[in-house]
């Protein structure tokens, strides 16, 4: 089978690597209630992280700096970046985090995509 589908439950943290049998990245969907922080600062040995804030607002601690983050913000953190996220005192924050090995992307969609001729879904 060339695909895997799962339904994400409404939980504070959903990790999709095992559920989707991912082999090239890790993805999680995270939600922190108002005023709550991830309880530790962390870095990585080889994985960069891409974050996208789905809703709410909060703060990002990165390498000793504190930055405000809000819905619609996207940011990448290199493996050695020391990071922590917290929700604003008056707002929860929901974000996606994708991890992949730094410098491992060999082709993006523009270089890797192939148009399939002669086939259409019902809506085309």
PDB file of N, CA and C in Angstrom:
ATOM      1  N   UNK A   1       0.844  -1.171   0.000  1.00  0.00           N
ATOM      2  CA  UNK A   1       0.000   0.000   0.000  1.00  0.00           C
ATOM      3  C   UNK A   1       0.894   1.239   0.000  1.00  0.00           C
ATOM      4  N   UNK A   2       0.522   2.244  -0.765  1.00  0.00           N
ATOM      5  CA  UNK A   2       1.320   3.453  -0.922  1.00  0.00           C
ATOM      6  C   UNK A   2       0.887   4.604  -0.033  1.00  0.00           C
ATOM      7  N   UNK A   3       0.042   4.343   0.967  1.00  0.00           N
ATOM      8  CA  UNK A   3      -0.352   5.411   1.879  1.00  0.00           C
ATOM      9  C   UNK A   3      -0.735   4.816   3.226  1.00  0.00           C
ATOM     10  N   UNK A   4      -0.812   5.688   4.208  1.00  0.00           N
ATOM     11  CA  UNK A   4      -1.254   5.309   5.549  1.00  0.00           C
ATOM     12  C   UNK A   4      -2.087   6.476   6.066  1.00  0.00           C
ATOM     13  N   UNK A   5      -3.257   6.201   6.599  1.00  0.00           N
ATOM     14  CA  UNK A   5      -4.159   7.227   7.107  1.00  0.00           C
ATOM     15  C   UNK A   5      -4.427   6.953   8.584  1.00  0.00           C
ATOM     16  N   UNK A   6      -4.407   8.003   9.376  1.00  0.00           N
ATOM     17  CA  UNK A   6      -4.761   7.875  10.780  1.00  0.00           C
ATOM     18  C   UNK A   6      -5.603   9.071  11.169  1.00  0.00           C
ATOM     19  N   UNK A   7      -6.348   8.942  12.226  1.00  0.00           N
ATOM     20  CA  UNK A   7      -7.130  10.052  12.753  1.00  0.00           C
ATOM     21  C   UNK A   7      -6.482  10.501  14.058  1.00  0.00           C
ATOM     22  N   UNK A   8      -6.230  11.786  14.178  1.00  0.00           N
ATOM     23  CA  UNK A   8      -5.577  12.315  15.378  1.00  0.00           C
ATOM     24  C   UNK A   8      -6.613  12.608  16.440  1.00  0.00           C
ATOM     25  N   UNK A   9      -6.417  12.032  17.600  1.00  0.00           N
ATOM     26  CA  UNK A   9      -7.304  12.285  18.725  1.00  0.00           C
ATOM     27  C   UNK A   9      -6.995  13.659  19.297  1.00  0.00           C
ATOM     28  N   UNK A  10      -7.963  14.222  19.978  1.00  0.00           N
ATOM     29  CA  UNK A  10      -7.793  15.530  20.597  1.00  0.00           C
ATOM     30  C   UNK A  10      -7.077  15.349  21.937  1.00  0.00           C
ATOM     31  N   UNK A  11      -5.762  15.194  21.865  1.00  0.00           N
ATOM     32  CA  UNK A  11      -4.928  15.001  23.043  1.00  0.00           C
ATOM     33  C   UNK A  11      -3.875  16.106  23.084  1.00  0.00           C
ATOM     34  N   UNK A  12      -3.262  16.352  24.235  1.00  0.00           N
ATOM     35  CA  UNK A  12      -2.251  17.408  24.316  1.00  0.00           C
ATOM     36  C   UNK A  12      -1.029  17.165  23.420  1.00  0.00           C
ATOM     37  N   UNK A  13      -0.699  15.895  23.156  1.00  0.00           N
ATOM     38  CA  UNK A  13       0.448  15.584  22.293  1.00  0.00           C
ATOM     39  C   UNK A  13       0.137  14.330  21.488  1.00  0.00           C
ATOM     40  N   UNK A  14       0.215  14.452  20.175  1.00  0.00           N
ATOM     41  CA  UNK A  14       0.009  13.328  19.275  1.00  0.00           C
ATOM     42  C   UNK A  14       1.292  13.158  18.468  1.00  0.00           C
ATOM     43  N   UNK A  15       1.926  11.990  18.587  1.00  0.00           N
ATOM     44  CA  UNK A  15       3.153  11.680  17.852  1.00  0.00           C
ATOM     45  C   UNK A  15       2.780  10.751  16.702  1.00  0.00           C
ATOM     46  N   UNK A  16       3.178  11.104  15.482  1.00  0.00           N
ATOM     47  CA  UNK A  16       2.698  10.388  14.306  1.00  0.00           C
ATOM     48  C   UNK A  16       3.689   9.410  13.673  1.00  0.00           C
ATOM     49  N   UNK A  17       4.921   9.325  14.160  1.00  0.00           N
ATOM     50  CA  UNK A  17       5.915   8.441  13.534  1.00  0.00           C
ATOM     51  C   UNK A  17       5.421   7.009  13.438  1.00  0.00           C
ATOM     52  N   UNK A  18       5.004   6.428  14.547  1.00  0.00           N
ATOM     53  CA  UNK A  18       4.553   5.035  14.539  1.00  0.00           C
ATOM     54  C   UNK A  18       3.190   4.875  13.876  1.00  0.00           C
ATOM     55  N   UNK A  19       2.267   5.789  14.177  1.00  0.00           N
ATOM     56  CA  UNK A  19       0.916   5.684  13.627  1.00  0.00           C
ATOM     57  C   UNK A  19       0.909   5.719  12.104  1.00  0.00           C
ATOM     58  N   UNK A  20       1.820   6.507  11.509  1.00  0.00           N
ATOM     59  CA  UNK A  20       1.886   6.623  10.050  1.00  0.00           C
ATOM     60  C   UNK A  20       3.067   5.867   9.441  1.00  0.00           C
ATOM     61  N   UNK A  21       3.835   5.186  10.294  1.00  0.00           N
ATOM     62  CA  UNK A  21       5.029   4.461   9.844  1.00  0.00           C
ATOM     63  C   UNK A  21       5.961   5.373   9.042  1.00  0.00           C
ATOM     64  N   UNK A  22       6.235   6.552   9.592  1.00  0.00           N
ATOM     65  CA  UNK A  22       7.105   7.526   8.928  1.00  0.00           C
ATOM     66  C   UNK A  22       8.543   7.023   8.928  1.00  0.00           C
ATOM     67  N   UNK A  23       9.249   7.258   7.824  1.00  0.00           N
ATOM     68  CA  UNK A  23      10.640   6.807   7.734  1.00  0.00           C
ATOM     69  C   UNK A  23      11.614   7.934   7.426  1.00  0.00           C
ATOM     70  N   UNK A  24      11.113   9.130   7.127  1.00  0.00           N
ATOM     71  CA  UNK A  24      12.001  10.223   6.772  1.00  0.00           C
ATOM     72  C   UNK A  24      11.912  11.421   7.694  1.00  0.00           C
ATOM     73  N   UNK A  25      10.934  11.400   8.588  1.00  0.00           N
ATOM     74  CA  UNK A  25      10.775  12.504   9.522  1.00  0.00           C
ATOM     75  C   UNK A  25       9.919  12.039  10.697  1.00  0.00           C
ATOM     76  N   UNK A  26       9.853  12.862  11.714  1.00  0.00           N
ATOM     77  CA  UNK A  26       8.947  12.670  12.850  1.00  0.00           C
ATOM     78  C   UNK A  26       8.050  13.884  12.889  1.00  0.00           C
ATOM     79  N   UNK A  27       6.789  13.695  13.265  1.00  0.00           N
ATOM     80  CA  UNK A  27       5.861  14.809  13.357  1.00  0.00           C
ATOM     81  C   UNK A  27       5.025  14.649  14.607  1.00  0.00           C
ATOM     82  N   UNK A  28       4.822  15.754  15.302  1.00  0.00           N
ATOM     83  CA  UNK A  28       3.924  15.742  16.457  1.00  0.00           C
ATOM     84  C   UNK A  28       3.039  16.981  16.416  1.00  0.00           C
ATOM     85  N   UNK A  29       1.855  16.823  16.985  1.00  0.00           N
ATOM     86  CA  UNK A  29       0.923  17.930  17.151  1.00  0.00           C
ATOM     87  C   UNK A  29       0.811  18.129  18.656  1.00  0.00           C
ATOM     88  N   UNK A  30       1.073  19.343  19.119  1.00  0.00           N
ATOM     89  CA  UNK A  30       1.204  19.619  20.546  1.00  0.00           C
ATOM     90  C   UNK A  30       0.297  20.766  20.961  1.00  0.00           C
ATOM     91  N   UNK A  31      -0.275  20.664  22.162  1.00  0.00           N
ATOM     92  CA  UNK A  31      -1.059  21.772  22.695  1.00  0.00           C
ATOM     93  C   UNK A  31      -0.717  21.962  24.167  1.00  0.00           C
ATOM     94  N   UNK A  32      -0.396  23.193  24.518  1.00  0.00           N
ATOM     95  CA  UNK A  32      -0.106  23.555  25.903  1.00  0.00           C
ATOM     96  C   UNK A  32      -1.224  24.475  26.390  1.00  0.00           C
ATOM     97  N   UNK A  33      -1.829  24.179  27.545  1.00  0.00           N
ATOM     98  CA  UNK A  33      -2.844  25.072  28.103  1.00  0.00           C
ATOM     99  C   UNK A  33      -2.230  26.421  28.501  1.00  0.00           C
ATOM    100  N   UNK A  34      -3.071  27.411  28.669  1.00  0.00           N
ATOM    101  CA  UNK A  34      -2.612  28.754  29.069  1.00  0.00           C
ATOM    102  C   UNK A  34      -1.685  28.662  30.272  1.00  0.00           C
ATOM    103  N   UNK A  35      -0.543  29.344  30.176  1.00  0.00           N
ATOM    104  CA  UNK A  35       0.419  29.416  31.270  1.00  0.00           C
ATOM    105  C   UNK A  35       1.317  28.210  31.448  1.00  0.00           C
ATOM    106  N   UNK A  36       1.156  27.168  30.630  1.00  0.00           N
ATOM    107  CA  UNK A  36       1.936  25.935  30.783  1.00  0.00           C
ATOM    108  C   UNK A  36       3.126  25.938  29.824  1.00  0.00           C
ATOM    109  N   UNK A  37       4.242  25.382  30.288  1.00  0.00           N
ATOM    110  CA  UNK A  37       5.477  25.310  29.511  1.00  0.00           C
ATOM    111  C   UNK A  37       5.891  23.858  29.315  1.00  0.00           C
ATOM    112  N   UNK A  38       6.589  23.592  28.231  1.00  0.00           N
ATOM    113  CA  UNK A  38       7.322  22.332  28.129  1.00  0.00           C
ATOM    114  C   UNK A  38       8.267  22.343  29.335  1.00  0.00           C
ATOM    115  N   UNK A  39       8.390  21.247  30.092  1.00  0.00           N
ATOM    116  CA  UNK A  39       9.099  21.297  31.377  1.00  0.00           C
ATOM    117  C   UNK A  39      10.624  21.204  31.293  1.00  0.00           C
ATOM    118  N   UNK A  40      11.201  21.381  30.108  1.00  0.00           N
ATOM    119  CA  UNK A  40      12.657  21.275  29.978  1.00  0.00           C
ATOM    120  C   UNK A  40      13.130  22.029  28.740  1.00  0.00           C
ATOM    121  N   UNK A  41      14.394  22.399  28.739  1.00  0.00           N
ATOM    122  CA  UNK A  41      15.067  22.936  27.555  1.00  0.00           C
ATOM    123  C   UNK A  41      15.742  21.743  26.896  1.00  0.00           C
ATOM    124  N   UNK A  42      15.686  21.678  25.565  1.00  0.00           N
ATOM    125  CA  UNK A  42      16.360  20.565  24.891  1.00  0.00           C
ATOM    126  C   UNK A  42      17.018  21.015  23.599  1.00  0.00           C
ATOM    127  N   UNK A  43      17.910  20.189  23.110  1.00  0.00           N
ATOM    128  CA  UNK A  43      18.576  20.345  21.809  1.00  0.00           C
ATOM    129  C   UNK A  43      18.571  18.953  21.179  1.00  0.00           C
ATOM    130  N   UNK A  44      19.148  18.835  20.002  1.00  0.00           N
ATOM    131  CA  UNK A  44      19.220  17.536  19.332  1.00  0.00           C
ATOM    132  C   UNK A  44      20.644  17.249  18.883  1.00  0.00           C
ATOM    133  N   UNK A  45      20.915  15.986  18.654  1.00  0.00           N
ATOM    134  CA  UNK A  45      22.224  15.568  18.147  1.00  0.00           C
ATOM    135  C   UNK A  45      22.327  15.811  16.649  1.00  0.00           C
ATOM    136  N   UNK A  46      21.258  15.471  15.881  1.00  0.00           N
ATOM    137  CA  UNK A  46      21.344  15.610  14.427  1.00  0.00           C
ATOM    138  C   UNK A  46      20.060  16.094  13.750  1.00  0.00           C
ATOM    139  N   UNK A  47      18.955  16.186  14.480  1.00  0.00           N
ATOM    140  CA  UNK A  47      17.692  16.575  13.858  1.00  0.00           C
ATOM    141  C   UNK A  47      17.403  18.064  14.008  1.00  0.00           C
ATOM    142  N   UNK A  48      17.049  18.694  12.874  1.00  0.00           N
ATOM    143  CA  UNK A  48      16.502  20.041  12.936  1.00  0.00           C
ATOM    144  C   UNK A  48      15.000  19.906  13.154  1.00  0.00           C
ATOM    145  N   UNK A  49      14.383  20.971  13.648  1.00  0.00           N
ATOM    146  CA  UNK A  49      12.943  20.954  13.864  1.00  0.00           C
ATOM    147  C   UNK A  49      12.299  22.129  13.143  1.00  0.00           C
ATOM    148  N   UNK A  50      11.154  21.853  12.545  1.00  0.00           N
ATOM    149  CA  UNK A  50      10.317  22.869  11.929  1.00  0.00           C
ATOM    150  C   UNK A  50       9.059  22.958  12.773  1.00  0.00           C
ATOM    151  N   UNK A  51       8.730  24.161  13.224  1.00  0.00           N
ATOM    152  CA  UNK A  51       7.531  24.383  14.023  1.00  0.00           C
ATOM    153  C   UNK A  51       6.567  25.259  13.234  1.00  0.00           C
ATOM    154  N   UNK A  52       5.269  24.982  13.395  1.00  0.00           N
ATOM    155  CA  UNK A  52       4.232  25.846  12.859  1.00  0.00           C
ATOM    156  C   UNK A  52       3.171  26.011  13.949  1.00  0.00           C
ATOM    157  N   UNK A  53       2.897  27.263  14.318  1.00  0.00           N
ATOM    158  CA  UNK A  53       1.910  27.550  15.360  1.00  0.00           C
ATOM    159  C   UNK A  53       0.529  27.595  14.704  1.00  0.00           C
ATOM    160  N   UNK A  54      -0.315  26.645  15.097  1.00  0.00           N
ATOM    161  CA  UNK A  54      -1.665  26.529  14.535  1.00  0.00           C
ATOM    162  C   UNK A  54      -2.605  27.551  15.164  1.00  0.00           C
ATOM    163  N   UNK A  55      -2.557  27.670  16.495  1.00  0.00           N
ATOM    164  CA  UNK A  55      -3.460  28.602  17.181  1.00  0.00           C
ATOM    165  C   UNK A  55      -2.836  29.059  18.497  1.00  0.00           C
ATOM    166  N   UNK A  56      -3.331  30.182  18.977  1.00  0.00           N
ATOM    167  CA  UNK A  56      -2.875  30.714  20.252  1.00  0.00           C
ATOM    168  C   UNK A  56      -1.603  31.516  20.147  1.00  0.00           C
ATOM    169  N   UNK A  57      -1.003  31.749  21.322  1.00  0.00           N
ATOM    170  CA  UNK A  57       0.247  32.492  21.370  1.00  0.00           C
ATOM    171  C   UNK A  57       1.048  32.047  22.580  1.00  0.00           C
ATOM    172  N   UNK A  58       2.323  32.406  22.557  1.00  0.00           N
ATOM    173  CA  UNK A  58       3.187  32.015  23.663  1.00  0.00           C
ATOM    174  C   UNK A  58       4.575  32.580  23.479  1.00  0.00           C
ATOM    175  N   UNK A  59       5.554  31.862  23.997  1.00  0.00           N
ATOM    176  CA  UNK A  59       6.946  32.311  23.928  1.00  0.00           C
ATOM    177  C   UNK A  59       7.840  31.140  23.554  1.00  0.00           C
ATOM    178  N   UNK A  60       8.874  31.473  22.797  1.00  0.00           N
ATOM    179  CA  UNK A  60       9.917  30.528  22.428  1.00  0.00           C
ATOM    180  C   UNK A  60      11.197  30.964  23.114  1.00  0.00           C
ATOM    181  N   UNK A  61      11.810  30.059  23.862  1.00  0.00           N
ATOM    182  CA  UNK A  61      13.146  30.270  24.410  1.00  0.00           C
ATOM    183  C   UNK A  61      14.084  29.585  23.437  1.00  0.00           C
ATOM    184  N   UNK A  62      15.032  30.344  22.873  1.00  0.00           N
ATOM    185  CA  UNK A  62      15.994  29.774  21.935  1.00  0.00           C
ATOM    186  C   UNK A  62      17.365  30.389  22.193  1.00  0.00           C
ATOM    187  N   UNK A  63      18.302  29.552  22.595  1.00  0.00           N
ATOM    188  CA  UNK A  63      19.685  29.973  22.847  1.00  0.00           C
ATOM    189  C   UNK A  63      19.775  31.189  23.767  1.00  0.00           C
ATOM    190  N   UNK A  64      18.981  31.181  24.838  1.00  0.00           N
ATOM    191  CA  UNK A  64      19.036  32.255  25.831  1.00  0.00           C
ATOM    192  C   UNK A  64      18.158  33.451  25.533  1.00  0.00           C
ATOM    193  N   UNK A  65      17.517  33.482  24.353  1.00  0.00           N
ATOM    194  CA  UNK A  65      16.620  34.590  24.000  1.00  0.00           C
ATOM    195  C   UNK A  65      15.181  34.128  24.151  1.00  0.00           C
ATOM    196  N   UNK A  66      14.291  35.051  24.453  1.00  0.00           N
ATOM    197  CA  UNK A  66      12.866  34.759  24.531  1.00  0.00           C
ATOM    198  C   UNK A  66      12.138  35.586  23.488  1.00  0.00           C
ATOM    199  N   UNK A  67      11.385  34.896  22.621  1.00  0.00           N
ATOM    200  CA  UNK A  67      10.665  35.540  21.532  1.00  0.00           C
ATOM    201  C   UNK A  67       9.178  35.237  21.648  1.00  0.00           C
ATOM    202  N   UNK A  68       8.340  36.198  21.320  1.00  0.00           N
ATOM    203  CA  UNK A  68       6.901  35.955  21.268  1.00  0.00           C
ATOM    204  C   UNK A  68       6.588  35.180  19.995  1.00  0.00           C
ATOM    205  N   UNK A  69       5.673  34.196  20.103  1.00  0.00           N
ATOM    206  CA  UNK A  69       5.204  33.451  18.933  1.00  0.00           C
ATOM    207  C   UNK A  69       3.687  33.432  18.957  1.00  0.00           C
ATOM    208  N   UNK A  70       3.083  33.309  17.759  1.00  0.00           N
ATOM    209  CA  UNK A  70       1.625  33.359  17.650  1.00  0.00           C
ATOM    210  C   UNK A  70       1.171  32.534  16.455  1.00  0.00           C
ATOM    211  N   UNK A  71      -0.137  32.318  16.371  1.00  0.00           N
ATOM    212  CA  UNK A  71      -0.723  31.564  15.264  1.00  0.00           C
ATOM    213  C   UNK A  71      -0.221  32.113  13.925  1.00  0.00           C
ATOM    214  N   UNK A  72       0.186  31.212  13.056  1.00  0.00           N
ATOM    215  CA  UNK A  72       0.696  31.583  11.737  1.00  0.00           C
ATOM    216  C   UNK A  72       2.199  31.666  11.670  1.00  0.00           C
ATOM    217  N   UNK A  73       2.884  31.696  12.810  1.00  0.00           N
ATOM    218  CA  UNK A  73       4.345  31.749  12.809  1.00  0.00           C
ATOM    219  C   UNK A  73       4.928  30.369  12.487  1.00  0.00           C
ATOM    220  N   UNK A  74       5.985  30.367  11.707  1.00  0.00           N
ATOM    221  CA  UNK A  74       6.739  29.149  11.406  1.00  0.00           C
ATOM    222  C   UNK A  74       8.203  29.439  11.685  1.00  0.00           C
ATOM    223  N   UNK A  75       8.907  28.466  12.260  1.00  0.00           N
ATOM    224  CA  UNK A  75      10.333  28.663  12.517  1.00  0.00           C
ATOM    225  C   UNK A  75      11.062  27.330  12.507  1.00  0.00           C
ATOM    226  N   UNK A  76      12.312  27.397  12.093  1.00  0.00           N
ATOM    227  CA  UNK A  76      13.205  26.245  12.053  1.00  0.00           C
ATOM    228  C   UNK A  76      14.268  26.429  13.118  1.00  0.00           C
ATOM    229  N   UNK A  77      14.583  25.333  13.804  1.00  0.00           N
ATOM    230  CA  UNK A  77      15.646  25.378  14.804  1.00  0.00           C
ATOM    231  C   UNK A  77      16.672  24.308  14.447  1.00  0.00           C
ATOM    232  N   UNK A  78      17.932  24.717  14.335  1.00  0.00           N
ATOM    233  CA  UNK A  78      19.024  23.790  14.048  1.00  0.00           C
ATOM    234  C   UNK A  78      19.195  22.826  15.226  1.00  0.00           C
ATOM    235  N   UNK A  79      19.811  21.671  14.995  1.00  0.00           N
ATOM    236  CA  UNK A  79      19.941  20.680  16.060  1.00  0.00           C
ATOM    237  C   UNK A  79      20.488  21.234  17.375  1.00  0.00           C
ATOM    238  N   UNK A  80      21.528  22.032  17.334  1.00  0.00           N
ATOM    239  CA  UNK A  80      22.169  22.500  18.566  1.00  0.00           C
ATOM    240  C   UNK A  80      21.425  23.633  19.265  1.00  0.00           C
ATOM    241  N   UNK A  81      20.382  24.161  18.627  1.00  0.00           N
ATOM    242  CA  UNK A  81      19.597  25.229  19.245  1.00  0.00           C
ATOM    243  C   UNK A  81      18.935  24.742  20.528  1.00  0.00           C
ATOM    244  N   UNK A  82      19.164  25.462  21.604  1.00  0.00           N
ATOM    245  CA  UNK A  82      18.580  25.099  22.908  1.00  0.00           C
ATOM    246  C   UNK A  82      17.215  25.755  23.017  1.00  0.00           C
ATOM    247  N   UNK A  83      16.153  24.936  23.091  1.00  0.00           N
ATOM    248  CA  UNK A  83      14.801  25.443  22.919  1.00  0.00           C
ATOM    249  C   UNK A  83      13.829  25.007  23.995  1.00  0.00           C
ATOM    250  N   UNK A  84      12.779  25.813  24.155  1.00  0.00           N
ATOM    251  CA  UNK A  84      11.668  25.513  25.052  1.00  0.00           C
ATOM    252  C   UNK A  84      10.491  26.404  24.625  1.00  0.00           C
ATOM    253  N   UNK A  85       9.278  25.903  24.747  1.00  0.00           N
ATOM    254  CA  UNK A  85       8.078  26.662  24.371  1.00  0.00           C
ATOM    255  C   UNK A  85       7.125  26.716  25.549  1.00  0.00           C
ATOM    256  N   UNK A  86       6.464  27.863  25.690  1.00  0.00           N
ATOM    257  CA  UNK A  86       5.412  27.973  26.702  1.00  0.00           C
ATOM    258  C   UNK A  86       4.228  28.725  26.122  1.00  0.00           C
ATOM    259  N   UNK A  87       3.062  28.430  26.675  1.00  0.00           N
ATOM    260  CA  UNK A  87       1.843  29.125  26.283  1.00  0.00           C
ATOM    261  C   UNK A  87       1.749  30.442  27.039  1.00  0.00           C
ATOM    262  N   UNK A  88       1.137  31.431  26.415  1.00  0.00           N
ATOM    263  CA  UNK A  88       0.871  32.716  27.060  1.00  0.00           C
ATOM    264  C   UNK A  88      -0.012  32.494  28.298  1.00  0.00           C
ATOM    265  N   UNK A  89       0.078  33.376  29.256  1.00  0.00           N
ATOM    266  CA  UNK A  89      -0.714  33.254  30.487  1.00  0.00           C
ATOM    267  C   UNK A  89      -2.213  33.236  30.212  1.00  0.00           C
ATOM    268  N   UNK A  90      -2.639  33.865  29.121  1.00  0.00           N
ATOM    269  CA  UNK A  90      -4.072  33.973  28.815  1.00  0.00           C
ATOM    270  C   UNK A  90      -4.501  33.199  27.579  1.00  0.00           C
ATOM    271  N   UNK A  91      -3.621  32.364  27.029  1.00  0.00           N
ATOM    272  CA  UNK A  91      -3.950  31.666  25.786  1.00  0.00           C
ATOM    273  C   UNK A  91      -3.232  30.329  25.717  1.00  0.00           C
ATOM    274  N   UNK A  92      -3.937  29.305  25.318  1.00  0.00           N
ATOM    275  CA  UNK A  92      -3.258  28.047  25.022  1.00  0.00           C
ATOM    276  C   UNK A  92      -2.494  28.244  23.714  1.00  0.00           C
ATOM    277  N   UNK A  93      -1.619  27.307  23.393  1.00  0.00           N
ATOM    278  CA  UNK A  93      -0.898  27.348  22.124  1.00  0.00           C
ATOM    279  C   UNK A  93      -0.898  25.939  21.543  1.00  0.00           C
ATOM    280  N   UNK A  94      -1.204  25.836  20.254  1.00  0.00           N
ATOM    281  CA  UNK A  94      -1.198  24.554  19.551  1.00  0.00           C
ATOM    282  C   UNK A  94      -0.222  24.669  18.389  1.00  0.00           C
ATOM    283  N   UNK A  95       0.680  23.699  18.279  1.00  0.00           N
ATOM    284  CA  UNK A  95       1.698  23.777  17.231  1.00  0.00           C
ATOM    285  C   UNK A  95       2.059  22.398  16.708  1.00  0.00           C
ATOM    286  N   UNK A  96       2.541  22.392  15.486  1.00  0.00           N
ATOM    287  CA  UNK A  96       3.071  21.189  14.845  1.00  0.00           C
ATOM    288  C   UNK A  96       4.580  21.269  14.930  1.00  0.00           C
ATOM    289  N   UNK A  97       5.219  20.137  15.187  1.00  0.00           N
ATOM    290  CA  UNK A  97       6.675  20.045  15.173  1.00  0.00           C
ATOM    291  C   UNK A  97       7.078  18.888  14.261  1.00  0.00           C
ATOM    292  N   UNK A  98       7.907  19.180  13.272  1.00  0.00           N
ATOM    293  CA  UNK A  98       8.423  18.154  12.359  1.00  0.00           C
ATOM    294  C   UNK A  98       9.933  18.087  12.550  1.00  0.00           C
ATOM    295  N   UNK A  99      10.430  16.890  12.796  1.00  0.00           N
ATOM    296  CA  UNK A  99      11.870  16.664  12.952  1.00  0.00           C
ATOM    297  C   UNK A  99      12.389  15.880  11.754  1.00  0.00           C
ATOM    298  N   UNK A 100      13.535  16.280  11.253  1.00  0.00           N
ATOM    299  CA  UNK A 100      14.213  15.523  10.194  1.00  0.00           C
ATOM    300  C   UNK A 100      15.712  15.744  10.353  1.00  0.00           C
ATOM    301  N   UNK A 101      16.480  14.805   9.883  1.00  0.00           N
ATOM    302  CA  UNK A 101      17.928  14.916   9.970  1.00  0.00           C
ATOM    303  C   UNK A 101      18.387  16.133   9.169  1.00  0.00           C
ATOM    304  N   UNK A 102      19.179  16.984   9.796  1.00  0.00           N
ATOM    305  CA  UNK A 102      19.679  18.190   9.147  1.00  0.00           C
ATOM    306  C   UNK A 102      20.434  17.833   7.867  1.00  0.00           C
ATOM    307  N   UNK A 103      20.213  18.597   6.814  1.00  0.00           N
ATOM    308  CA  UNK A 103      20.873  18.447   5.513  1.00  0.00           C
ATOM    309  C   UNK A 103      20.576  17.126   4.811  1.00  0.00           C
ATOM    310  N   UNK A 104      19.441  16.490   5.132  1.00  0.00           N
ATOM    311  CA  UNK A 104      19.124  15.209   4.503  1.00  0.00           C
ATOM    312  C   UNK A 104      18.168  15.328   3.312  1.00  0.00           C
ATOM    313  N   UNK A 105      17.556  16.493   3.104  1.00  0.00           N
ATOM    314  CA  UNK A 105      16.609  16.653   2.007  1.00  0.00           C
ATOM    315  C   UNK A 105      17.365  16.707   0.683  1.00  0.00           C
ATOM    316  N   UNK A 106      17.144  15.718  -0.162  1.00  0.00           N
ATOM    317  CA  UNK A 106      17.852  15.649  -1.444  1.00  0.00           C
ATOM    318  C   UNK A 106      17.053  16.270  -2.584  1.00  0.00           C
ATOM    319  N   UNK A 107      15.729  16.289  -2.469  1.00  0.00           N
ATOM    320  CA  UNK A 107      14.895  16.867  -3.518  1.00  0.00           C
ATOM    321  C   UNK A 107      13.618  17.387  -2.882  1.00  0.00           C
ATOM    322  N   UNK A 108      13.161  18.532  -3.371  1.00  0.00           N
ATOM    323  CA  UNK A 108      11.881  19.043  -2.894  1.00  0.00           C
ATOM    324  C   UNK A 108      10.830  18.729  -3.951  1.00  0.00           C
ATOM    325  N   UNK A 109       9.584  19.094  -3.709  1.00  0.00           N
ATOM    326  CA  UNK A 109       8.491  18.729  -4.602  1.00  0.00           C
ATOM    327  C   UNK A 109       8.744  19.175  -6.038  1.00  0.00           C
ATOM    328  N   UNK A 110       9.290  20.361  -6.224  1.00  0.00           N
ATOM    329  CA  UNK A 110       9.524  20.849  -7.588  1.00  0.00           C
ATOM    330  C   UNK A 110      10.500  19.957  -8.345  1.00  0.00           C
ATOM    331  N   UNK A 111      11.445  19.351  -7.644  1.00  0.00           N
ATOM    332  CA  UNK A 111      12.432  18.487  -8.290  1.00  0.00           C
ATOM    333  C   UNK A 111      12.019  17.018  -8.276  1.00  0.00           C
ATOM    334  N   UNK A 112      11.182  16.630  -7.324  1.00  0.00           N
ATOM    335  CA  UNK A 112      10.871  15.226  -7.114  1.00  0.00           C
ATOM    336  C   UNK A 112       9.493  14.826  -7.633  1.00  0.00           C
ATOM    337  N   UNK A 113       8.598  15.770  -7.833  1.00  0.00           N
ATOM    338  CA  UNK A 113       7.230  15.454  -8.247  1.00  0.00           C
ATOM    339  C   UNK A 113       7.151  14.975  -9.692  1.00  0.00           C
ATOM    340  N   UNK A 114       6.219  14.073  -9.949  1.00  0.00           N
ATOM    341  CA  UNK A 114       5.985  13.526 -11.289  1.00  0.00           C
ATOM    342  C   UNK A 114       4.488  13.649 -11.579  1.00  0.00           C
ATOM    343  N   UNK A 115       4.110  14.305 -12.685  1.00  0.00           N
ATOM    344  CA  UNK A 115       2.712  14.414 -13.078  1.00  0.00           C
ATOM    345  C   UNK A 115       2.290  13.068 -13.671  1.00  0.00           C
ATOM    346  N   UNK A 116       1.165  12.533 -13.196  1.00  0.00           N
ATOM    347  CA  UNK A 116       0.630  11.277 -13.708  1.00  0.00           C
ATOM    348  C   UNK A 116      -0.416  11.616 -14.765  1.00  0.00           C
ATOM    349  N   UNK A 117      -0.150  11.267 -15.988  1.00  0.00           N
ATOM    350  CA  UNK A 117      -1.058  11.559 -17.101  1.00  0.00           C
ATOM    351  C   UNK A 117      -2.112  10.464 -17.230  1.00  0.00           C
ATOM    352  N   UNK A 118      -3.312  10.853 -17.678  1.00  0.00           N
ATOM    353  CA  UNK A 118      -4.356   9.891 -17.994  1.00  0.00           C
ATOM    354  C   UNK A 118      -5.165   9.378 -16.808  1.00  0.00           C
ATOM    355  N   UNK A 119      -4.933   9.890 -15.631  1.00  0.00           N
ATOM    356  CA  UNK A 119      -5.702   9.490 -14.459  1.00  0.00           C
ATOM    357  C   UNK A 119      -6.233  10.745 -13.774  1.00  0.00           C
ATOM    358  N   UNK A 120      -7.455  10.633 -13.207  1.00  0.00           N
ATOM    359  CA  UNK A 120      -8.075  11.774 -12.524  1.00  0.00           C
ATOM    360  C   UNK A 120      -8.917  11.291 -11.351  1.00  0.00           C
ATOM    361  N   UNK A 121      -8.928  12.081 -10.273  1.00  0.00           N
ATOM    362  CA  UNK A 121      -9.915  11.814  -9.234  1.00  0.00           C
ATOM    363  C   UNK A 121     -11.292  12.310  -9.717  1.00  0.00           C
ATOM    364  N   UNK A 122     -12.335  11.945  -9.027  1.00  0.00           N
ATOM    365  CA  UNK A 122     -13.699  12.301  -9.467  1.00  0.00           C
ATOM    366  C   UNK A 122     -13.934  13.802  -9.535  1.00  0.00           C
ATOM    367  N   UNK A 123     -13.170  14.604  -8.814  1.00  0.00           N
ATOM    368  CA  UNK A 123     -13.425  16.049  -8.783  1.00  0.00           C
ATOM    369  C   UNK A 123     -12.698  16.841  -9.869  1.00  0.00           C
ATOM    370  N   UNK A 124     -11.909  16.194 -10.697  1.00  0.00           N
ATOM    371  CA  UNK A 124     -11.238  16.920 -11.813  1.00  0.00           C
ATOM    372  C   UNK A 124     -11.948  16.685 -13.123  1.00  0.00           C
TER     373      UNK A 124
END
